């Protein structure tokens, strides 16, 4: 029920599909920024100049790229457990590197338990949706 408008300008005439592609890319860019805010603290900067801001944003986007690549390079896993997500990889890195007070076996066991529970919830959710 929502109607959105775009005002587009180009110094030269461009085909309509090019304008639609540019307008549609906005959503993926916004989604990436939301992920960056939630996972790597993209919105937690306190800088006073362009150089500091540029360095912080570059570092945050690099961290998000590394997490995304790690999540994408996983082999297919057991169907009883969901694959590692960007958020789960970040949590594991934090647990192993920043807060190493627990033994690694405990942290890995906790991650497997959590992802198994998420897989069970996901299956239940889709079964309910298919039943409707």
N, C-alpha and C. Protein backbone atom coordinates (compact mmCIF):
# COMPACT_ATOMS: atom_id res chain seq x y z
N UNK A 1 0.79 -1.21 0.00
CA UNK A 1 0.00 0.00 0.00
C UNK A 1 0.83 1.26 0.00
N UNK A 2 2.15 1.15 -0.03
CA UNK A 2 2.97 2.36 0.00
C UNK A 2 3.43 2.68 -1.42
N UNK A 3 3.38 3.94 -1.76
CA UNK A 3 3.80 4.39 -3.07
C UNK A 3 5.07 5.22 -2.93
N UNK A 4 6.10 4.88 -3.68
CA UNK A 4 7.38 5.58 -3.59
C UNK A 4 7.69 6.21 -4.95
N UNK A 5 8.35 7.34 -4.90
CA UNK A 5 8.73 8.03 -6.13
C UNK A 5 10.23 8.28 -6.14
N UNK A 6 10.79 8.34 -7.31
CA UNK A 6 12.19 8.67 -7.49
C UNK A 6 12.27 9.78 -8.53
N UNK A 7 13.07 10.76 -8.24
CA UNK A 7 13.37 11.78 -9.21
C UNK A 7 14.77 11.48 -9.72
N UNK A 8 14.87 11.22 -11.01
CA UNK A 8 16.15 10.84 -11.59
C UNK A 8 16.60 11.89 -12.59
N UNK A 9 17.89 12.11 -12.61
CA UNK A 9 18.46 13.05 -13.56
C UNK A 9 19.74 12.46 -14.10
N UNK A 10 19.97 12.69 -15.37
CA UNK A 10 21.19 12.25 -16.01
C UNK A 10 21.56 13.29 -17.06
N UNK A 11 22.86 13.55 -17.22
CA UNK A 11 23.25 14.55 -18.23
C UNK A 11 22.94 14.06 -19.65
N UNK A 12 22.84 12.74 -19.82
CA UNK A 12 22.49 12.15 -21.12
C UNK A 12 21.27 11.25 -20.94
N UNK A 13 20.51 11.06 -21.97
CA UNK A 13 19.38 10.12 -21.86
C UNK A 13 19.87 8.70 -21.58
N UNK A 14 19.17 8.00 -20.67
CA UNK A 14 19.51 6.62 -20.34
C UNK A 14 18.23 5.79 -20.44
N UNK A 15 18.39 4.49 -20.73
CA UNK A 15 17.20 3.64 -20.81
C UNK A 15 16.52 3.48 -19.45
N UNK A 16 15.24 3.19 -19.49
CA UNK A 16 14.46 3.03 -18.27
C UNK A 16 15.01 1.90 -17.39
N UNK A 17 15.44 0.79 -17.98
CA UNK A 17 15.95 -0.32 -17.17
C UNK A 17 17.20 0.06 -16.39
N UNK A 18 17.99 0.98 -16.92
CA UNK A 18 19.17 1.46 -16.18
C UNK A 18 18.75 2.26 -14.95
N UNK A 19 17.74 3.11 -15.11
CA UNK A 19 17.23 3.88 -13.98
C UNK A 19 16.63 2.95 -12.91
N UNK A 20 15.91 1.92 -13.34
CA UNK A 20 15.31 0.98 -12.41
C UNK A 20 16.41 0.21 -11.66
N UNK A 21 17.47 -0.18 -12.36
CA UNK A 21 18.59 -0.89 -11.73
C UNK A 21 19.25 -0.03 -10.67
N UNK A 22 19.48 1.22 -10.97
CA UNK A 22 20.11 2.14 -10.01
C UNK A 22 19.20 2.35 -8.80
N UNK A 23 17.90 2.55 -9.05
CA UNK A 23 16.97 2.74 -7.94
C UNK A 23 16.87 1.48 -7.09
N UNK A 24 16.88 0.30 -7.70
CA UNK A 24 16.78 -0.95 -6.97
C UNK A 24 18.01 -1.28 -6.15
N UNK A 25 19.17 -0.78 -6.55
CA UNK A 25 20.40 -1.06 -5.81
C UNK A 25 20.40 -0.39 -4.44
N UNK A 26 19.54 0.59 -4.28
CA UNK A 26 19.46 1.30 -3.00
C UNK A 26 19.15 0.34 -1.85
N UNK A 27 18.26 -0.63 -2.07
CA UNK A 27 17.84 -1.53 -1.00
C UNK A 27 18.98 -2.42 -0.53
N UNK A 28 19.76 -2.95 -1.46
CA UNK A 28 20.88 -3.80 -1.04
C UNK A 28 21.93 -2.99 -0.29
N UNK A 29 22.15 -1.75 -0.70
CA UNK A 29 23.11 -0.90 -0.01
C UNK A 29 22.62 -0.59 1.41
N UNK A 30 21.34 -0.29 1.55
CA UNK A 30 20.79 -0.02 2.88
C UNK A 30 20.88 -1.26 3.78
N UNK A 31 20.63 -2.43 3.20
CA UNK A 31 20.73 -3.66 3.97
C UNK A 31 22.16 -3.91 4.45
N UNK A 32 23.14 -3.63 3.60
CA UNK A 32 24.54 -3.79 3.99
C UNK A 32 24.91 -2.83 5.12
N UNK A 33 24.43 -1.60 5.05
CA UNK A 33 24.72 -0.66 6.13
C UNK A 33 24.05 -1.09 7.43
N UNK A 34 22.83 -1.63 7.37
CA UNK A 34 22.18 -2.13 8.58
C UNK A 34 22.97 -3.28 9.18
N UNK A 35 23.45 -4.20 8.34
CA UNK A 35 24.27 -5.30 8.82
C UNK A 35 25.55 -4.77 9.45
N UNK A 36 26.18 -3.80 8.80
CA UNK A 36 27.40 -3.20 9.33
C UNK A 36 27.18 -2.54 10.68
N UNK A 37 26.03 -1.90 10.84
CA UNK A 37 25.72 -1.27 12.12
C UNK A 37 25.55 -2.31 13.22
N UNK A 38 24.89 -3.40 12.89
CA UNK A 38 24.61 -4.42 13.90
C UNK A 38 25.79 -5.31 14.21
N UNK A 39 26.63 -5.59 13.24
CA UNK A 39 27.68 -6.59 13.43
C UNK A 39 29.06 -6.01 13.72
N UNK A 40 29.41 -4.90 13.13
CA UNK A 40 30.77 -4.38 13.30
C UNK A 40 30.81 -2.95 13.84
N UNK A 41 29.68 -2.47 14.36
CA UNK A 41 29.67 -1.15 15.00
C UNK A 41 29.88 0.00 14.05
N UNK A 42 29.33 -0.10 12.86
CA UNK A 42 29.52 0.95 11.86
C UNK A 42 28.99 2.30 12.33
N UNK A 43 28.02 2.29 13.24
CA UNK A 43 27.44 3.54 13.72
C UNK A 43 27.99 3.98 15.08
N UNK A 44 29.10 3.39 15.53
CA UNK A 44 29.65 3.72 16.84
C UNK A 44 30.91 4.58 16.76
N UNK A 45 30.97 5.43 15.80
CA UNK A 45 32.18 6.25 15.67
C UNK A 45 31.99 7.59 16.37
N UNK A 46 33.10 8.11 16.87
CA UNK A 46 33.12 9.44 17.47
C UNK A 46 34.37 10.14 16.94
N UNK A 47 34.26 10.65 15.77
CA UNK A 47 35.40 11.29 15.14
C UNK A 47 35.06 12.74 14.85
N UNK A 48 36.08 13.53 14.68
CA UNK A 48 35.87 14.96 14.47
C UNK A 48 36.29 15.43 13.08
N UNK A 49 36.89 14.55 12.32
CA UNK A 49 37.34 14.98 11.00
C UNK A 49 37.16 13.90 9.95
N UNK A 50 37.31 14.29 8.72
CA UNK A 50 37.14 13.39 7.59
C UNK A 50 38.12 12.22 7.65
N UNK A 51 39.37 12.48 7.97
CA UNK A 51 40.38 11.42 7.96
C UNK A 51 40.05 10.33 8.97
N UNK A 52 39.71 10.71 10.19
CA UNK A 52 39.36 9.73 11.20
C UNK A 52 38.10 8.96 10.83
N UNK A 53 37.09 9.67 10.32
CA UNK A 53 35.86 9.01 9.90
C UNK A 53 36.13 8.01 8.78
N UNK A 54 36.92 8.43 7.81
CA UNK A 54 37.23 7.56 6.67
C UNK A 54 37.98 6.32 7.13
N UNK A 55 38.91 6.47 8.04
CA UNK A 55 39.65 5.31 8.56
C UNK A 55 38.74 4.35 9.30
N UNK A 56 37.85 4.89 10.15
CA UNK A 56 36.95 4.05 10.91
C UNK A 56 36.00 3.29 10.00
N UNK A 57 35.38 3.98 9.05
CA UNK A 57 34.43 3.34 8.13
C UNK A 57 35.14 2.27 7.32
N UNK A 58 36.35 2.55 6.86
CA UNK A 58 37.10 1.57 6.08
C UNK A 58 37.39 0.33 6.91
N UNK A 59 37.81 0.50 8.15
CA UNK A 59 38.09 -0.63 9.02
C UNK A 59 36.83 -1.44 9.32
N UNK A 60 35.71 -0.76 9.60
CA UNK A 60 34.46 -1.47 9.88
C UNK A 60 33.98 -2.26 8.66
N UNK A 61 34.08 -1.67 7.47
CA UNK A 61 33.64 -2.37 6.26
C UNK A 61 34.58 -3.53 5.94
N UNK A 62 35.85 -3.39 6.24
CA UNK A 62 36.80 -4.50 6.05
C UNK A 62 36.45 -5.65 7.00
N UNK A 63 36.13 -5.32 8.25
CA UNK A 63 35.75 -6.36 9.21
C UNK A 63 34.48 -7.09 8.74
N UNK A 64 33.50 -6.33 8.24
CA UNK A 64 32.28 -6.95 7.74
C UNK A 64 32.57 -7.83 6.53
N UNK A 65 33.47 -7.38 5.65
CA UNK A 65 33.83 -8.19 4.48
C UNK A 65 34.50 -9.49 4.90
N UNK A 66 35.38 -9.44 5.88
CA UNK A 66 36.06 -10.66 6.36
C UNK A 66 35.04 -11.62 6.96
N UNK A 67 34.13 -11.12 7.79
CA UNK A 67 33.10 -11.97 8.38
C UNK A 67 32.21 -12.59 7.31
N UNK A 68 31.85 -11.81 6.31
CA UNK A 68 30.98 -12.30 5.23
C UNK A 68 31.69 -13.38 4.42
N UNK A 69 32.97 -13.18 4.13
CA UNK A 69 33.73 -14.18 3.37
C UNK A 69 33.86 -15.47 4.17
N UNK A 70 34.13 -15.35 5.48
CA UNK A 70 34.21 -16.54 6.32
C UNK A 70 32.89 -17.30 6.34
N UNK A 71 31.78 -16.57 6.40
CA UNK A 71 30.47 -17.23 6.41
C UNK A 71 30.17 -17.87 5.06
N UNK A 72 30.58 -17.25 3.97
CA UNK A 72 30.28 -17.77 2.63
C UNK A 72 31.15 -18.96 2.26
N UNK A 73 32.32 -19.11 2.84
CA UNK A 73 33.24 -20.17 2.46
C UNK A 73 33.02 -21.48 3.21
N UNK A 74 31.95 -21.58 3.96
CA UNK A 74 31.71 -22.80 4.72
C UNK A 74 31.26 -23.92 3.81
N UNK A 75 31.69 -25.13 4.08
CA UNK A 75 31.14 -26.27 3.34
C UNK A 75 29.71 -26.54 3.82
N UNK A 76 28.96 -27.30 3.03
CA UNK A 76 27.61 -27.68 3.46
C UNK A 76 27.70 -28.45 4.76
N UNK A 77 26.85 -28.08 5.69
CA UNK A 77 26.91 -28.70 7.01
C UNK A 77 25.75 -29.66 7.20
N UNK A 78 25.73 -30.25 8.34
CA UNK A 78 24.68 -31.17 8.75
C UNK A 78 23.33 -30.44 8.74
N UNK A 79 22.27 -31.06 8.21
CA UNK A 79 20.97 -30.40 8.20
C UNK A 79 20.38 -30.18 9.59
N UNK A 80 20.95 -30.81 10.58
CA UNK A 80 20.47 -30.64 11.95
C UNK A 80 21.01 -29.37 12.60
N UNK A 81 21.86 -28.65 11.91
CA UNK A 81 22.48 -27.44 12.46
C UNK A 81 22.58 -26.42 11.34
N UNK A 82 22.29 -25.16 11.65
CA UNK A 82 22.40 -24.15 10.61
C UNK A 82 23.88 -23.79 10.43
N UNK A 83 24.18 -23.28 9.27
CA UNK A 83 25.55 -22.86 8.97
C UNK A 83 25.92 -21.66 9.84
N UNK A 84 27.21 -21.45 9.99
CA UNK A 84 27.67 -20.28 10.73
C UNK A 84 27.25 -19.02 9.99
N UNK A 85 26.66 -18.09 10.71
CA UNK A 85 26.27 -16.81 10.15
C UNK A 85 27.33 -15.77 10.47
N UNK A 86 27.20 -14.60 9.88
CA UNK A 86 28.12 -13.50 10.19
C UNK A 86 28.08 -13.19 11.68
N UNK A 87 26.88 -13.15 12.24
CA UNK A 87 26.75 -12.84 13.67
C UNK A 87 27.40 -13.91 14.54
N UNK A 88 27.21 -15.19 14.17
CA UNK A 88 27.79 -16.27 14.98
C UNK A 88 29.31 -16.28 14.88
N UNK A 89 29.84 -16.02 13.70
CA UNK A 89 31.31 -15.95 13.55
C UNK A 89 31.86 -14.81 14.40
N UNK A 90 31.17 -13.67 14.40
CA UNK A 90 31.61 -12.54 15.23
C UNK A 90 31.58 -12.92 16.71
N UNK A 91 30.52 -13.60 17.16
CA UNK A 91 30.44 -14.02 18.56
C UNK A 91 31.57 -14.98 18.92
N UNK A 92 31.85 -15.93 18.01
CA UNK A 92 32.92 -16.88 18.29
C UNK A 92 34.28 -16.18 18.35
N UNK A 93 34.53 -15.26 17.42
CA UNK A 93 35.80 -14.51 17.47
C UNK A 93 35.91 -13.72 18.75
N UNK A 94 34.82 -13.09 19.17
CA UNK A 94 34.83 -12.35 20.44
C UNK A 94 35.11 -13.28 21.62
N UNK A 95 34.48 -14.45 21.61
CA UNK A 95 34.66 -15.39 22.72
C UNK A 95 36.07 -15.94 22.77
N UNK A 96 36.66 -16.23 21.61
CA UNK A 96 38.00 -16.83 21.59
C UNK A 96 39.11 -15.80 21.76
N UNK A 97 38.91 -14.61 21.23
CA UNK A 97 40.01 -13.64 21.21
C UNK A 97 39.87 -12.60 22.33
N UNK A 98 38.67 -12.03 22.48
CA UNK A 98 38.52 -10.93 23.43
C UNK A 98 38.23 -11.38 24.85
N UNK A 99 37.47 -12.44 25.01
CA UNK A 99 37.09 -12.89 26.35
C UNK A 99 37.41 -14.38 26.48
N UNK A 100 38.66 -14.69 26.59
CA UNK A 100 39.10 -16.09 26.61
C UNK A 100 39.06 -16.68 28.02
N UNK A 101 38.04 -16.35 28.79
CA UNK A 101 37.97 -16.87 30.15
C UNK A 101 37.43 -18.30 30.18
N UNK A 102 36.64 -18.69 29.18
CA UNK A 102 36.09 -20.05 29.12
C UNK A 102 36.94 -20.91 28.21
N UNK A 103 36.98 -22.22 28.45
CA UNK A 103 37.75 -23.09 27.56
C UNK A 103 37.11 -23.11 26.16
N UNK A 104 37.92 -23.24 25.11
CA UNK A 104 37.38 -23.24 23.74
C UNK A 104 36.34 -24.32 23.51
N UNK A 105 36.46 -25.49 24.16
CA UNK A 105 35.49 -26.56 23.98
C UNK A 105 34.10 -26.12 24.44
N UNK A 106 34.05 -25.37 25.54
CA UNK A 106 32.77 -24.87 26.06
C UNK A 106 32.13 -23.92 25.05
N UNK A 107 32.92 -23.00 24.51
CA UNK A 107 32.40 -22.03 23.55
C UNK A 107 31.90 -22.72 22.29
N UNK A 108 32.65 -23.69 21.78
CA UNK A 108 32.23 -24.41 20.59
C UNK A 108 30.96 -25.22 20.86
N UNK A 109 30.89 -25.87 22.02
CA UNK A 109 29.69 -26.63 22.38
C UNK A 109 28.49 -25.70 22.45
N UNK A 110 28.66 -24.53 23.05
CA UNK A 110 27.57 -23.56 23.14
C UNK A 110 27.13 -23.12 21.75
N UNK A 111 28.06 -22.87 20.84
CA UNK A 111 27.72 -22.45 19.49
C UNK A 111 26.94 -23.54 18.75
N UNK A 112 27.38 -24.78 18.89
CA UNK A 112 26.67 -25.89 18.23
C UNK A 112 25.26 -26.04 18.81
N UNK A 113 25.14 -25.95 20.13
CA UNK A 113 23.82 -26.04 20.76
C UNK A 113 22.90 -24.94 20.26
N UNK A 114 23.42 -23.72 20.19
CA UNK A 114 22.63 -22.57 19.76
C UNK A 114 22.17 -22.72 18.32
N UNK A 115 23.09 -23.11 17.43
CA UNK A 115 22.74 -23.25 16.01
C UNK A 115 21.81 -24.44 15.77
N UNK A 116 21.93 -25.49 16.58
CA UNK A 116 21.00 -26.62 16.48
C UNK A 116 19.59 -26.18 16.88
N UNK A 117 19.49 -25.40 17.93
CA UNK A 117 18.20 -24.88 18.36
C UNK A 117 17.60 -23.96 17.30
N UNK A 118 18.44 -23.15 16.67
CA UNK A 118 17.95 -22.28 15.61
C UNK A 118 17.46 -23.09 14.42
N UNK A 119 18.15 -24.16 14.07
CA UNK A 119 17.73 -25.01 12.95
C UNK A 119 16.38 -25.66 13.26
N UNK A 120 16.20 -26.12 14.50
CA UNK A 120 14.94 -26.72 14.90
C UNK A 120 13.81 -25.70 14.82
N UNK A 121 14.06 -24.49 15.28
CA UNK A 121 13.05 -23.44 15.22
C UNK A 121 12.72 -23.08 13.77
N UNK A 122 13.72 -23.03 12.92
CA UNK A 122 13.51 -22.71 11.51
C UNK A 122 12.65 -23.78 10.84
N UNK A 123 12.96 -25.07 11.12
CA UNK A 123 12.16 -26.16 10.53
C UNK A 123 10.71 -26.07 11.00
N UNK A 124 10.51 -25.82 12.28
CA UNK A 124 9.17 -25.71 12.83
C UNK A 124 8.42 -24.55 12.19
N UNK A 125 9.08 -23.44 12.01
CA UNK A 125 8.47 -22.26 11.40
C UNK A 125 8.02 -22.56 9.98
N UNK A 126 8.89 -23.19 9.18
CA UNK A 126 8.52 -23.47 7.80
C UNK A 126 7.45 -24.55 7.71
N UNK A 127 7.46 -25.51 8.64
CA UNK A 127 6.40 -26.52 8.63
C UNK A 127 5.05 -25.89 8.92
N UNK A 128 5.01 -24.95 9.84
CA UNK A 128 3.76 -24.24 10.14
C UNK A 128 3.29 -23.40 8.96
N UNK A 129 4.23 -22.76 8.27
CA UNK A 129 3.85 -21.93 7.11
C UNK A 129 3.32 -22.78 5.98
N UNK A 130 3.90 -23.98 5.79
CA UNK A 130 3.44 -24.85 4.72
C UNK A 130 2.09 -25.47 5.05
N UNK A 131 1.79 -25.63 6.34
CA UNK A 131 0.54 -26.24 6.75
C UNK A 131 -0.65 -25.29 6.50
N UNK A 132 -0.39 -24.02 6.42
CA UNK A 132 -1.49 -23.03 6.24
C UNK A 132 -2.01 -23.03 4.84
